[in-house]
Amino acid sequence: MSALSERPANPVVGEAIPHESASLHVTGLALYTDDLVGRTKDCLHAYPVQVFQAHATVTRLDPAPALEVPGVVPKLLGTPGRVRHAAPRLGDDTDAVLRELGISDDDIAALRGRKVVA
């Protein structure tokens, strides 16, 4: 049986236990999604569009205000998508990626032998 499933010797019920990031939230130091944009240079972020009517059917959406914001990249809804090639299977490109990171073939073989990588 794992330690997580065992009841502690001195269980405490009703004792206030602060969330691990509570102090960050009340001091203004917590990171939110919007804060991450500045930390991930040259990375495209996607945000969902919200509709403020419950169970509404969206018949029109004006993207003009969003497109005026610097850095916003439009997604062309009318562009047909297509599959150019299949995604790699698990392990197909592992060696190439690890070599690019500077890991030797011997170390890759050792990792594979210990089932650390596929």
PDB file of N, CA and C in Angstrom:
ATOM      1  N   MET A   1       0.849  -1.176   0.000  1.00  0.00           N
ATOM      2  CA  MET A   1       0.000   0.000   0.000  1.00  0.00           C
ATOM      3  C   MET A   1       0.896   1.240   0.000  1.00  0.00           C
ATOM      4  N   SER A   2       0.547   2.237  -0.788  1.00  0.00           N
ATOM      5  CA  SER A   2       1.385   3.428  -0.876  1.00  0.00           C
ATOM      6  C   SER A   2       1.173   4.325   0.338  1.00  0.00           C
ATOM      7  N   ALA A   3       2.144   5.187   0.597  1.00  0.00           N
ATOM      8  CA  ALA A   3       2.052   6.114   1.720  1.00  0.00           C
ATOM      9  C   ALA A   3       0.901   7.092   1.528  1.00  0.00           C
ATOM     10  N   LEU A   4       0.550   7.375   0.273  1.00  0.00           N
ATOM     11  CA  LEU A   4      -0.532   8.318   0.010  1.00  0.00           C
ATOM     12  C   LEU A   4      -1.885   7.784   0.458  1.00  0.00           C
ATOM     13  N   SER A   5      -2.036   6.473   0.467  1.00  0.00           N
ATOM     14  CA  SER A   5      -3.324   5.894   0.834  1.00  0.00           C
ATOM     15  C   SER A   5      -3.424   5.578   2.316  1.00  0.00           C
ATOM     16  N   GLU A   6      -2.354   5.747   3.065  1.00  0.00           N
ATOM     17  CA  GLU A   6      -2.378   5.447   4.498  1.00  0.00           C
ATOM     18  C   GLU A   6      -2.855   6.660   5.289  1.00  0.00           C
ATOM     19  N   ARG A   7      -3.634   6.411   6.315  1.00  0.00           N
ATOM     20  CA  ARG A   7      -4.119   7.495   7.173  1.00  0.00           C
ATOM     21  C   ARG A   7      -2.985   7.891   8.118  1.00  0.00           C
ATOM     22  N   PRO A   8      -2.743   9.202   8.291  1.00  0.00           N
ATOM     23  CA  PRO A   8      -1.659   9.618   9.190  1.00  0.00           C
ATOM     24  C   PRO A   8      -1.945   9.210  10.636  1.00  0.00           C
ATOM     25  N   ALA A   9      -0.900   9.051  11.426  1.00  0.00           N
ATOM     26  CA  ALA A   9      -1.039   8.638  12.817  1.00  0.00           C
ATOM     27  C   ALA A   9      -1.847   9.645  13.614  1.00  0.00           C
ATOM     28  N   ASN A  10      -1.640  10.932  13.372  1.00  0.00           N
ATOM     29  CA  ASN A  10      -2.359  11.992  14.079  1.00  0.00           C
ATOM     30  C   ASN A  10      -3.118  12.840  13.064  1.00  0.00           C
ATOM     31  N   PRO A  11      -4.250  12.338  12.573  1.00  0.00           N
ATOM     32  CA  PRO A  11      -4.981  13.094  11.559  1.00  0.00           C
ATOM     33  C   PRO A  11      -5.539  14.394  12.141  1.00  0.00           C
ATOM     34  N   VAL A  12      -5.471  15.452  11.352  1.00  0.00           N
ATOM     35  CA  VAL A  12      -5.969  16.750  11.795  1.00  0.00           C
ATOM     36  C   VAL A  12      -7.079  17.175  10.840  1.00  0.00           C
ATOM     37  N   VAL A  13      -8.254  17.427  11.390  1.00  0.00           N
ATOM     38  CA  VAL A  13      -9.385  17.888  10.606  1.00  0.00           C
ATOM     39  C   VAL A  13      -9.741  19.279  11.089  1.00  0.00           C
ATOM     40  N   GLY A  14      -9.977  20.194  10.171  1.00  0.00           N
ATOM     41  CA  GLY A  14     -10.381  21.535  10.541  1.00  0.00           C
ATOM     42  C   GLY A  14      -9.233  22.494  10.757  1.00  0.00           C
ATOM     43  N   GLU A  15      -7.998  22.058  10.557  1.00  0.00           N
ATOM     44  CA  GLU A  15      -6.849  22.954  10.698  1.00  0.00           C
ATOM     45  C   GLU A  15      -6.616  23.655   9.367  1.00  0.00           C
ATOM     46  N   ALA A  16      -6.466  24.961   9.405  1.00  0.00           N
ATOM     47  CA  ALA A  16      -6.235  25.732   8.182  1.00  0.00           C
ATOM     48  C   ALA A  16      -4.842  25.431   7.646  1.00  0.00           C
ATOM     49  N   ILE A  17      -4.790  25.027   6.400  1.00  0.00           N
ATOM     50  CA  ILE A  17      -3.515  24.772   5.740  1.00  0.00           C
ATOM     51  C   ILE A  17      -3.482  25.640   4.489  1.00  0.00           C
ATOM     52  N   PRO A  18      -2.602  26.642   4.432  1.00  0.00           N
ATOM     53  CA  PRO A  18      -2.593  27.540   3.282  1.00  0.00           C
ATOM     54  C   PRO A  18      -2.141  26.827   2.007  1.00  0.00           C
ATOM     55  N   HIS A  19      -2.723  27.242   0.903  1.00  0.00           N
ATOM     56  CA  HIS A  19      -2.329  26.730  -0.405  1.00  0.00           C
ATOM     57  C   HIS A  19      -0.873  27.104  -0.645  1.00  0.00           C
ATOM     58  N   GLU A  20      -0.120  26.257  -1.348  1.00  0.00           N
ATOM     59  CA  GLU A  20       1.316  26.501  -1.516  1.00  0.00           C
ATOM     60  C   GLU A  20       1.631  27.813  -2.218  1.00  0.00           C
ATOM     61  N   SER A  21       0.702  28.350  -3.020  1.00  0.00           N
ATOM     62  CA  SER A  21       0.981  29.621  -3.692  1.00  0.00           C
ATOM     63  C   SER A  21       0.163  30.768  -3.105  1.00  0.00           C
ATOM     64  N   ALA A  22      -0.460  30.549  -1.935  1.00  0.00           N
ATOM     65  CA  ALA A  22      -1.305  31.588  -1.343  1.00  0.00           C
ATOM     66  C   ALA A  22      -0.533  32.878  -1.103  1.00  0.00           C
ATOM     67  N   SER A  23       0.668  32.781  -0.550  1.00  0.00           N
ATOM     68  CA  SER A  23       1.432  34.002  -0.269  1.00  0.00           C
ATOM     69  C   SER A  23       1.805  34.727  -1.561  1.00  0.00           C
ATOM     70  N   LEU A  24       2.031  33.968  -2.638  1.00  0.00           N
ATOM     71  CA  LEU A  24       2.335  34.606  -3.920  1.00  0.00           C
ATOM     72  C   LEU A  24       1.121  35.370  -4.443  1.00  0.00           C
ATOM     73  N   HIS A  25      -0.063  34.803  -4.246  1.00  0.00           N
ATOM     74  CA  HIS A  25      -1.280  35.460  -4.718  1.00  0.00           C
ATOM     75  C   HIS A  25      -1.550  36.754  -3.956  1.00  0.00           C
ATOM     76  N   VAL A  26      -1.436  36.728  -2.641  1.00  0.00           N
ATOM     77  CA  VAL A  26      -1.769  37.919  -1.860  1.00  0.00           C
ATOM     78  C   VAL A  26      -0.696  38.997  -1.957  1.00  0.00           C
ATOM     79  N   THR A  27       0.521  38.632  -2.331  1.00  0.00           N
ATOM     80  CA  THR A  27       1.579  39.636  -2.486  1.00  0.00           C
ATOM     81  C   THR A  27       1.701  40.130  -3.920  1.00  0.00           C
ATOM     82  N   GLY A  28       0.933  39.521  -4.831  1.00  0.00           N
ATOM     83  CA  GLY A  28       1.000  39.948  -6.229  1.00  0.00           C
ATOM     84  C   GLY A  28       2.147  39.323  -6.996  1.00  0.00           C
ATOM     85  N   LEU A  29       2.802  38.335  -6.420  1.00  0.00           N
ATOM     86  CA  LEU A  29       3.949  37.708  -7.073  1.00  0.00           C
ATOM     87  C   LEU A  29       3.599  36.427  -7.835  1.00  0.00           C
ATOM     88  N   ALA A  30       2.336  36.000  -7.758  1.00  0.00           N
ATOM     89  CA  ALA A  30       1.933  34.770  -8.453  1.00  0.00           C
ATOM     90  C   ALA A  30       1.961  35.005  -9.958  1.00  0.00           C
ATOM     91  N   LEU A  31       2.286  33.962 -10.701  1.00  0.00           N
ATOM     92  CA  LEU A  31       2.295  34.039 -12.160  1.00  0.00           C
ATOM     93  C   LEU A  31       0.957  33.567 -12.706  1.00  0.00           C
ATOM     94  N   TYR A  32       0.417  34.337 -13.610  1.00  0.00           N
ATOM     95  CA  TYR A  32      -0.823  33.994 -14.290  1.00  0.00           C
ATOM     96  C   TYR A  32      -0.517  33.802 -15.771  1.00  0.00           C
ATOM     97  N   THR A  33      -1.469  33.270 -16.501  1.00  0.00           N
ATOM     98  CA  THR A  33      -1.269  33.003 -17.920  1.00  0.00           C
ATOM     99  C   THR A  33      -0.767  34.230 -18.658  1.00  0.00           C
ATOM    100  N   ASP A  34      -1.354  35.386 -18.386  1.00  0.00           N
ATOM    101  CA  ASP A  34      -0.936  36.609 -19.071  1.00  0.00           C
ATOM    102  C   ASP A  34       0.517  36.965 -18.787  1.00  0.00           C
ATOM    103  N   ASP A  35       1.027  36.587 -17.623  1.00  0.00           N
ATOM    104  CA  ASP A  35       2.414  36.891 -17.274  1.00  0.00           C
ATOM    105  C   ASP A  35       3.398  36.066 -18.094  1.00  0.00           C
ATOM    106  N   LEU A  36       2.977  34.909 -18.557  1.00  0.00           N
ATOM    107  CA  LEU A  36       3.882  34.007 -19.258  1.00  0.00           C
ATOM    108  C   LEU A  36       4.205  34.478 -20.672  1.00  0.00           C
ATOM    109  N   VAL A  37       3.339  35.305 -21.248  1.00  0.00           N
ATOM    110  CA  VAL A  37       3.556  35.764 -22.618  1.00  0.00           C
ATOM    111  C   VAL A  37       4.896  36.485 -22.730  1.00  0.00           C
ATOM    112  N   GLY A  38       5.197  37.354 -21.787  1.00  0.00           N
ATOM    113  CA  GLY A  38       6.460  38.093 -21.822  1.00  0.00           C
ATOM    114  C   GLY A  38       7.673  37.230 -21.562  1.00  0.00           C
ATOM    115  N   ARG A  39       7.478  36.080 -20.977  1.00  0.00           N
ATOM    116  CA  ARG A  39       8.592  35.193 -20.645  1.00  0.00           C
ATOM    117  C   ARG A  39       8.893  34.181 -21.743  1.00  0.00           C
ATOM    118  N   THR A  40       8.046  34.105 -22.725  1.00  0.00           N
ATOM    119  CA  THR A  40       8.223  33.120 -23.797  1.00  0.00           C
ATOM    120  C   THR A  40       8.311  33.857 -25.139  1.00  0.00           C
ATOM    121  N   LYS A  41       9.446  34.495 -25.347  1.00  0.00           N
ATOM    122  CA  LYS A  41       9.675  35.281 -26.562  1.00  0.00           C
ATOM    123  C   LYS A  41       9.551  34.398 -27.800  1.00  0.00           C
ATOM    124  N   ASP A  42       8.958  34.947 -28.829  1.00  0.00           N
ATOM    125  CA  ASP A  42       8.807  34.282 -30.125  1.00  0.00           C
ATOM    126  C   ASP A  42       7.967  33.008 -30.064  1.00  0.00           C
ATOM    127  N   CYS A  43       7.098  32.898 -29.079  1.00  0.00           N
ATOM    128  CA  CYS A  43       6.202  31.748 -28.966  1.00  0.00           C
ATOM    129  C   CYS A  43       4.777  32.240 -29.174  1.00  0.00           C
ATOM    130  N   LEU A  44       4.055  31.601 -30.068  1.00  0.00           N
ATOM    131  CA  LEU A  44       2.687  32.000 -30.359  1.00  0.00           C
ATOM    132  C   LEU A  44       1.751  31.420 -29.306  1.00  0.00           C
ATOM    133  N   HIS A  45       0.917  32.265 -28.720  1.00  0.00           N
ATOM    134  CA  HIS A  45      -0.031  31.844 -27.689  1.00  0.00           C
ATOM    135  C   HIS A  45      -1.441  31.899 -28.253  1.00  0.00           C
ATOM    136  N   ALA A  46      -2.270  30.971 -27.861  1.00  0.00           N
ATOM    137  CA  ALA A  46      -3.662  30.945 -28.312  1.00  0.00           C
ATOM    138  C   ALA A  46      -4.575  31.196 -27.124  1.00  0.00           C
ATOM    139  N   TYR A  47      -5.583  32.008 -27.345  1.00  0.00           N
ATOM    140  CA  TYR A  47      -6.561  32.301 -26.308  1.00  0.00           C
ATOM    141  C   TYR A  47      -7.949  32.040 -26.864  1.00  0.00           C
ATOM    142  N   PRO A  48      -8.797  31.389 -26.097  1.00  0.00           N
ATOM    143  CA  PRO A  48     -10.161  31.135 -26.589  1.00  0.00           C
ATOM    144  C   PRO A  48     -10.984  32.411 -26.574  1.00  0.00           C
ATOM    145  N   VAL A  49     -11.943  32.474 -27.458  1.00  0.00           N
ATOM    146  CA  VAL A  49     -12.886  33.587 -27.485  1.00  0.00           C
ATOM    147  C   VAL A  49     -14.047  33.224 -26.575  1.00  0.00           C
ATOM    148  N   GLN A  50     -14.464  34.170 -25.752  1.00  0.00           N
ATOM    149  CA  GLN A  50     -15.561  33.903 -24.825  1.00  0.00           C
ATOM    150  C   GLN A  50     -16.859  34.516 -25.340  1.00  0.00           C
ATOM    151  N   VAL A  51     -17.920  33.812 -25.131  1.00  0.00           N
ATOM    152  CA  VAL A  51     -19.254  34.315 -25.439  1.00  0.00           C
ATOM    153  C   VAL A  51     -19.942  34.540 -24.101  1.00  0.00           C
ATOM    154  N   PHE A  52     -20.567  35.698 -23.956  1.00  0.00           N
ATOM    155  CA  PHE A  52     -21.124  36.069 -22.663  1.00  0.00           C
ATOM    156  C   PHE A  52     -22.594  35.710 -22.499  1.00  0.00           C
ATOM    157  N   GLN A  53     -23.132  34.911 -23.403  1.00  0.00           N
ATOM    158  CA  GLN A  53     -24.509  34.440 -23.303  1.00  0.00           C
ATOM    159  C   GLN A  53     -24.473  32.918 -23.147  1.00  0.00           C
ATOM    160  N   ALA A  54     -25.081  32.420 -22.091  1.00  0.00           N
ATOM    161  CA  ALA A  54     -25.119  30.974 -21.874  1.00  0.00           C
ATOM    162  C   ALA A  54     -25.924  30.297 -22.975  1.00  0.00           C
ATOM    163  N   HIS A  55     -25.423  29.213 -23.505  1.00  0.00           N
ATOM    164  CA  HIS A  55     -26.101  28.406 -24.526  1.00  0.00           C
ATOM    165  C   HIS A  55     -26.429  29.199 -25.788  1.00  0.00           C
ATOM    166  N   ALA A  56     -25.646  30.224 -26.062  1.00  0.00           N
ATOM    167  CA  ALA A  56     -25.897  31.065 -27.243  1.00  0.00           C
ATOM    168  C   ALA A  56     -25.292  30.426 -28.484  1.00  0.00           C
ATOM    169  N   THR A  57     -25.838  30.772 -29.614  1.00  0.00           N
ATOM    170  CA  THR A  57     -25.280  30.366 -30.895  1.00  0.00           C
ATOM    171  C   THR A  57     -24.565  31.577 -31.480  1.00  0.00           C
ATOM    172  N   VAL A  58     -23.280  31.448 -31.705  1.00  0.00           N
ATOM    173  CA  VAL A  58     -22.509  32.554 -32.259  1.00  0.00           C
ATOM    174  C   VAL A  58     -22.766  32.590 -33.760  1.00  0.00           C
ATOM    175  N   THR A  59     -23.320  33.693 -34.218  1.00  0.00           N
ATOM    176  CA  THR A  59     -23.606  33.826 -35.646  1.00  0.00           C
ATOM    177  C   THR A  59     -22.623  34.761 -36.327  1.00  0.00           C
ATOM    178  N   ARG A  60     -21.932  35.577 -35.532  1.00  0.00           N
ATOM    179  CA  ARG A  60     -20.984  36.532 -36.098  1.00  0.00           C
ATOM    180  C   ARG A  60     -19.962  36.882 -35.044  1.00  0.00           C
ATOM    181  N   LEU A  61     -18.725  37.035 -35.441  1.00  0.00           N
ATOM    182  CA  LEU A  61     -17.663  37.406 -34.528  1.00  0.00           C
ATOM    183  C   LEU A  61     -16.769  38.404 -35.248  1.00  0.00           C
ATOM    184  N   ASP A  62     -16.648  39.586 -34.695  1.00  0.00           N
ATOM    185  CA  ASP A  62     -15.843  40.634 -35.318  1.00  0.00           C
ATOM    186  C   ASP A  62     -14.434  40.589 -34.728  1.00  0.00           C
ATOM    187  N   PRO A  63     -13.450  40.131 -35.493  1.00  0.00           N
ATOM    188  CA  PRO A  63     -12.093  40.034 -34.971  1.00  0.00           C
ATOM    189  C   PRO A  63     -11.318  41.348 -35.030  1.00  0.00           C
ATOM    190  N   ALA A  64     -11.883  42.392 -35.615  1.00  0.00           N
ATOM    191  CA  ALA A  64     -11.162  43.649 -35.835  1.00  0.00           C
ATOM    192  C   ALA A  64     -10.512  44.205 -34.565  1.00  0.00           C
ATOM    193  N   PRO A  65     -11.224  44.295 -33.414  1.00  0.00           N
ATOM    194  CA  PRO A  65     -10.570  44.841 -32.218  1.00  0.00           C
ATOM    195  C   PRO A  65      -9.353  44.021 -31.781  1.00  0.00           C
ATOM    196  N   ALA A  66      -9.439  42.696 -31.881  1.00  0.00           N
ATOM    197  CA  ALA A  66      -8.308  41.844 -31.483  1.00  0.00           C
ATOM    198  C   ALA A  66      -7.135  42.021 -32.431  1.00  0.00           C
ATOM    199  N   LEU A  67      -7.411  42.173 -33.712  1.00  0.00           N
ATOM    200  CA  LEU A  67      -6.336  42.298 -34.696  1.00  0.00           C
ATOM    201  C   LEU A  67      -5.605  43.620 -34.595  1.00  0.00           C
ATOM    202  N   GLU A  68      -6.183  44.593 -33.883  1.00  0.00           N
ATOM    203  CA  GLU A  68      -5.518  45.879 -33.682  1.00  0.00           C
ATOM    204  C   GLU A  68      -4.472  45.820 -32.577  1.00  0.00           C
ATOM    205  N   VAL A  69      -4.496  44.772 -31.769  1.00  0.00           N
ATOM    206  CA  VAL A  69      -3.543  44.620 -30.672  1.00  0.00           C
ATOM    207  C   VAL A  69      -2.203  44.176 -31.250  1.00  0.00           C
ATOM    208  N   PRO A  70      -1.110  44.874 -30.903  1.00  0.00           N
ATOM    209  CA  PRO A  70       0.207  44.486 -31.432  1.00  0.00           C
ATOM    210  C   PRO A  70       0.549  43.043 -31.078  1.00  0.00           C
ATOM    211  N   GLY A  71       1.034  42.293 -32.063  1.00  0.00           N
ATOM    212  CA  GLY A  71       1.469  40.920 -31.846  1.00  0.00           C
ATOM    213  C   GLY A  71       0.403  39.871 -32.093  1.00  0.00           C
ATOM    214  N   VAL A  72      -0.840  40.277 -32.298  1.00  0.00           N
ATOM    215  CA  VAL A  72      -1.903  39.302 -32.552  1.00  0.00           C
ATOM    216  C   VAL A  72      -1.749  38.762 -33.970  1.00  0.00           C
ATOM    217  N   VAL A  73      -1.786  37.447 -34.097  1.00  0.00           N
ATOM    218  CA  VAL A  73      -1.662  36.778 -35.386  1.00  0.00           C
ATOM    219  C   VAL A  73      -3.015  36.167 -35.719  1.00  0.00           C
ATOM    220  N   PRO A  74      -3.599  36.546 -36.855  1.00  0.00           N
ATOM    221  CA  PRO A  74      -4.910  35.988 -37.186  1.00  0.00           C
ATOM    222  C   PRO A  74      -4.816  34.539 -37.645  1.00  0.00           C
ATOM    223  N   LYS A  75      -5.827  33.774 -37.348  1.00  0.00           N
ATOM    224  CA  LYS A  75      -5.940  32.427 -37.889  1.00  0.00           C
ATOM    225  C   LYS A  75      -6.938  32.507 -39.030  1.00  0.00           C
ATOM    226  N   LEU A  76      -6.550  32.036 -40.161  1.00  0.00           N
ATOM    227  CA  LEU A  76      -7.404  32.116 -41.334  1.00  0.00           C
ATOM    228  C   LEU A  76      -8.401  30.971 -41.294  1.00  0.00           C
ATOM    229  N   LEU A  77      -9.636  31.267 -40.916  1.00  0.00           N
ATOM    230  CA  LEU A  77     -10.653  30.233 -40.752  1.00  0.00           C
ATOM    231  C   LEU A  77     -11.034  29.571 -42.059  1.00  0.00           C
ATOM    232  N   GLY A  78     -10.920  30.293 -43.180  1.00  0.00           N
ATOM    233  CA  GLY A  78     -11.320  29.727 -44.457  1.00  0.00           C
ATOM    234  C   GLY A  78     -10.252  28.884 -45.112  1.00  0.00           C
ATOM    235  N   THR A  79      -9.077  28.792 -44.502  1.00  0.00           N
ATOM    236  CA  THR A  79      -7.988  28.025 -45.097  1.00  0.00           C
ATOM    237  C   THR A  79      -8.211  26.539 -44.851  1.00  0.00           C
ATOM    238  N   PRO A  80      -8.326  25.746 -45.904  1.00  0.00           N
ATOM    239  CA  PRO A  80      -8.532  24.310 -45.687  1.00  0.00           C
ATOM    240  C   PRO A  80      -7.267  23.661 -45.125  1.00  0.00           C
ATOM    241  N   GLY A  81      -7.468  22.811 -44.152  1.00  0.00           N
ATOM    242  CA  GLY A  81      -6.338  22.093 -43.584  1.00  0.00           C
ATOM    243  C   GLY A  81      -6.124  20.777 -44.302  1.00  0.00           C
ATOM    244  N   ARG A  82      -4.931  20.264 -44.191  1.00  0.00           N
ATOM    245  CA  ARG A  82      -4.641  18.959 -44.776  1.00  0.00           C
ATOM    246  C   ARG A  82      -3.497  18.323 -44.009  1.00  0.00           C
ATOM    247  N   VAL A  83      -3.418  17.020 -44.038  1.00  0.00           N
ATOM    248  CA  VAL A  83      -2.342  16.295 -43.388  1.00  0.00           C
ATOM    249  C   VAL A  83      -1.230  16.137 -44.406  1.00  0.00           C
ATOM    250  N   ARG A  84      -0.075  16.709 -44.110  1.00  0.00           N
ATOM    251  CA  ARG A  84       1.063  16.629 -45.039  1.00  0.00           C
ATOM    252  C   ARG A  84       1.861  15.345 -44.823  1.00  0.00           C
ATOM    253  N   HIS A  85       1.941  14.913 -43.579  1.00  0.00           N
ATOM    254  CA  HIS A  85       2.622  13.662 -43.248  1.00  0.00           C
ATOM    255  C   HIS A  85       2.155  13.219 -41.878  1.00  0.00           C
ATOM    256  N   ALA A  86       2.299  11.960 -41.616  1.00  0.00           N
ATOM    257  CA  ALA A  86       1.876  11.416 -40.326  1.00  0.00           C
ATOM    258  C   ALA A  86       2.841  11.865 -39.234  1.00  0.00           C
ATOM    259  N   ALA A  87       2.339  11.996 -38.038  1.00  0.00           N
ATOM    260  CA  ALA A  87       3.191  12.327 -36.901  1.00  0.00           C
ATOM    261  C   ALA A  87       4.127  11.154 -36.631  1.00  0.00           C
ATOM    262  N   PRO A  88       5.312  11.434 -36.085  1.00  0.00           N
ATOM    263  CA  PRO A  88       6.217  10.330 -35.780  1.00  0.00           C
ATOM    264  C   PRO A  88       5.633   9.422 -34.709  1.00  0.00           C
ATOM    265  N   ARG A  89       5.935   8.141 -34.819  1.00  0.00           N
ATOM    266  CA  ARG A  89       5.517   7.195 -33.781  1.00  0.00           C
ATOM    267  C   ARG A  89       6.437   7.360 -32.586  1.00  0.00           C
ATOM    268  N   LEU A  90       5.985   6.910 -31.435  1.00  0.00           N
ATOM    269  CA  LEU A  90       6.776   7.006 -30.224  1.00  0.00           C
ATOM    270  C   LEU A  90       8.155   6.391 -30.448  1.00  0.00           C
ATOM    271  N   GLY A  91       9.174   7.188 -30.253  1.00  0.00           N
ATOM    272  CA  GLY A  91      10.545   6.709 -30.385  1.00  0.00           C
ATOM    273  C   GLY A  91      11.162   6.896 -31.753  1.00  0.00           C
ATOM    274  N   ASP A  92      10.376   7.269 -32.765  1.00  0.00           N
ATOM    275  CA  ASP A  92      10.919   7.410 -34.120  1.00  0.00           C
ATOM    276  C   ASP A  92      12.050   8.430 -34.203  1.00  0.00           C
ATOM    277  N   ASP A  93      11.919   9.538 -33.480  1.00  0.00           N
ATOM    278  CA  ASP A  93      12.937  10.587 -33.597  1.00  0.00           C
ATOM    279  C   ASP A  93      13.687  10.835 -32.289  1.00  0.00           C
ATOM    280  N   THR A  94      13.562   9.923 -31.349  1.00  0.00           N
ATOM    281  CA  THR A  94      14.214  10.088 -30.053  1.00  0.00           C
ATOM    282  C   THR A  94      15.727  10.240 -30.187  1.00  0.00           C
ATOM    283  N   ASP A  95      16.364   9.352 -30.959  1.00  0.00           N
ATOM    284  CA  ASP A  95      17.818   9.408 -31.088  1.00  0.00           C
ATOM    285  C   ASP A  95      18.278  10.744 -31.662  1.00  0.00           C
ATOM    286  N   ALA A  96      17.603  11.214 -32.703  1.00  0.00           N
ATOM    287  CA  ALA A  96      17.995  12.477 -33.338  1.00  0.00           C
ATOM    288  C   ALA A  96      17.867  13.638 -32.357  1.00  0.00           C
ATOM    289  N   VAL A  97      16.786  13.650 -31.577  1.00  0.00           N
ATOM    290  CA  VAL A  97      16.577  14.724 -30.613  1.00  0.00           C
ATOM    291  C   VAL A  97      17.645  14.678 -29.526  1.00  0.00           C
ATOM    292  N   LEU A  98      17.925  13.491 -29.005  1.00  0.00           N
ATOM    293  CA  LEU A  98      18.934  13.363 -27.949  1.00  0.00           C
ATOM    294  C   LEU A  98      20.328  13.706 -28.460  1.00  0.00           C
ATOM    295  N   ARG A  99      20.649  13.309 -29.702  1.00  0.00           N
ATOM    296  CA  ARG A  99      21.952  13.685 -30.282  1.00  0.00           C
ATOM    297  C   ARG A  99      22.069  15.198 -30.414  1.00  0.00           C
ATOM    298  N   GLU A 100      20.964  15.835 -30.808  1.00  0.00           N
ATOM    299  CA  GLU A 100      20.964  17.293 -30.949  1.00  0.00           C
ATOM    300  C   GLU A 100      21.230  17.959 -29.601  1.00  0.00           C
ATOM    301  N   LEU A 101      20.845  17.296 -28.525  1.00  0.00           N
ATOM    302  CA  LEU A 101      21.091  17.813 -27.179  1.00  0.00           C
ATOM    303  C   LEU A 101      22.492  17.478 -26.680  1.00  0.00           C
ATOM    304  N   GLY A 102      23.268  16.777 -27.511  1.00  0.00           N
ATOM    305  CA  GLY A 102      24.644  16.461 -27.154  1.00  0.00           C
ATOM    306  C   GLY A 102      24.825  15.152 -26.417  1.00  0.00           C
ATOM    307  N   ILE A 103      23.833  14.288 -26.422  1.00  0.00           N
ATOM    308  CA  ILE A 103      23.924  12.996 -25.733  1.00  0.00           C
ATOM    309  C   ILE A 103      24.523  11.976 -26.697  1.00  0.00           C
ATOM    310  N   SER A 104      25.508  11.243 -26.227  1.00  0.00           N
ATOM    311  CA  SER A 104      26.221  10.289 -27.082  1.00  0.00           C
ATOM    312  C   SER A 104      25.370   9.060 -27.376  1.00  0.00           C
ATOM    313  N   ASP A 105      25.751   8.330 -28.433  1.00  0.00           N
ATOM    314  CA  ASP A 105      25.031   7.103 -28.790  1.00  0.00           C
ATOM    315  C   ASP A 105      25.091   6.072 -27.658  1.00  0.00           C
ATOM    316  N   ASP A 106      26.243   5.996 -26.978  1.00  0.00           N
ATOM    317  CA  ASP A 106      26.367   5.057 -25.858  1.00  0.00           C
ATOM    318  C   ASP A 106      25.402   5.419 -24.725  1.00  0.00           C
ATOM    319  N   ASP A 107      25.304   6.728 -24.434  1.00  0.00           N
ATOM    320  CA  ASP A 107      24.393   7.161 -23.371  1.00  0.00           C
ATOM    321  C   ASP A 107      22.943   6.940 -23.784  1.00  0.00           C
ATOM    322  N   ILE A 108      22.631   7.135 -25.063  1.00  0.00           N
ATOM    323  CA  ILE A 108      21.280   6.889 -25.556  1.00  0.00           C
ATOM    324  C   ILE A 108      20.936   5.410 -25.403  1.00  0.00           C
ATOM    325  N   ALA A 109      21.890   4.548 -25.746  1.00  0.00           N
ATOM    326  CA  ALA A 109      21.667   3.103 -25.607  1.00  0.00           C
ATOM    327  C   ALA A 109      21.452   2.735 -24.149  1.00  0.00           C
ATOM    328  N   ALA A 110      22.201   3.368 -23.238  1.00  0.00           N
ATOM    329  CA  ALA A 110      22.035   3.093 -21.817  1.00  0.00           C
ATOM    330  C   ALA A 110      20.653   3.556 -21.331  1.00  0.00           C
ATOM    331  N   LEU A 111      20.220   4.715 -21.800  1.00  0.00           N
ATOM    332  CA  LEU A 111      18.896   5.217 -21.432  1.00  0.00           C
ATOM    333  C   LEU A 111      17.804   4.268 -21.948  1.00  0.00           C
ATOM    334  N   ARG A 112      17.992   3.800 -23.168  1.00  0.00           N
ATOM    335  CA  ARG A 112      17.008   2.888 -23.745  1.00  0.00           C
ATOM    336  C   ARG A 112      17.015   1.557 -22.985  1.00  0.00           C
ATOM    337  N   GLY A 113      18.193   1.090 -22.593  1.00  0.00           N
ATOM    338  CA  GLY A 113      18.301  -0.156 -21.843  1.00  0.00           C
ATOM    339  C   GLY A 113      17.606  -0.086 -20.495  1.00  0.00           C
ATOM    340  N   ARG A 114      17.613   1.112 -19.879  1.00  0.00           N
ATOM    341  CA  ARG A 114      16.931   1.300 -18.590  1.00  0.00           C
ATOM    342  C   ARG A 114      15.472   1.709 -18.793  1.00  0.00           C
ATOM    343  N   LYS A 115      15.033   1.722 -20.068  1.00  0.00           N
ATOM    344  CA  LYS A 115      13.657   2.081 -20.432  1.00  0.00           C
ATOM    345  C   LYS A 115      13.293   3.504 -20.022  1.00  0.00           C
ATOM    346  N   VAL A 116      14.304   4.392 -20.046  1.00  0.00           N
ATOM    347  CA  VAL A 116      14.060   5.808 -19.767  1.00  0.00           C
ATOM    348  C   VAL A 116      13.489   6.486 -21.000  1.00  0.00           C
ATOM    349  N   VAL A 117      13.921   6.046 -22.184  1.00  0.00           N
ATOM    350  CA  VAL A 117      13.411   6.570 -23.450  1.00  0.00           C
ATOM    351  C   VAL A 117      12.929   5.429 -24.308  1.00  0.00           C
ATOM    352  N   ALA A 118      12.045   5.758 -25.254  1.00  0.00           N
ATOM    353  CA  ALA A 118      11.506   4.727 -26.152  1.00  0.00           C
ATOM    354  C   ALA A 118      12.382   4.597 -27.381  1.00  0.00           C
TER     355      ALA A 118
END
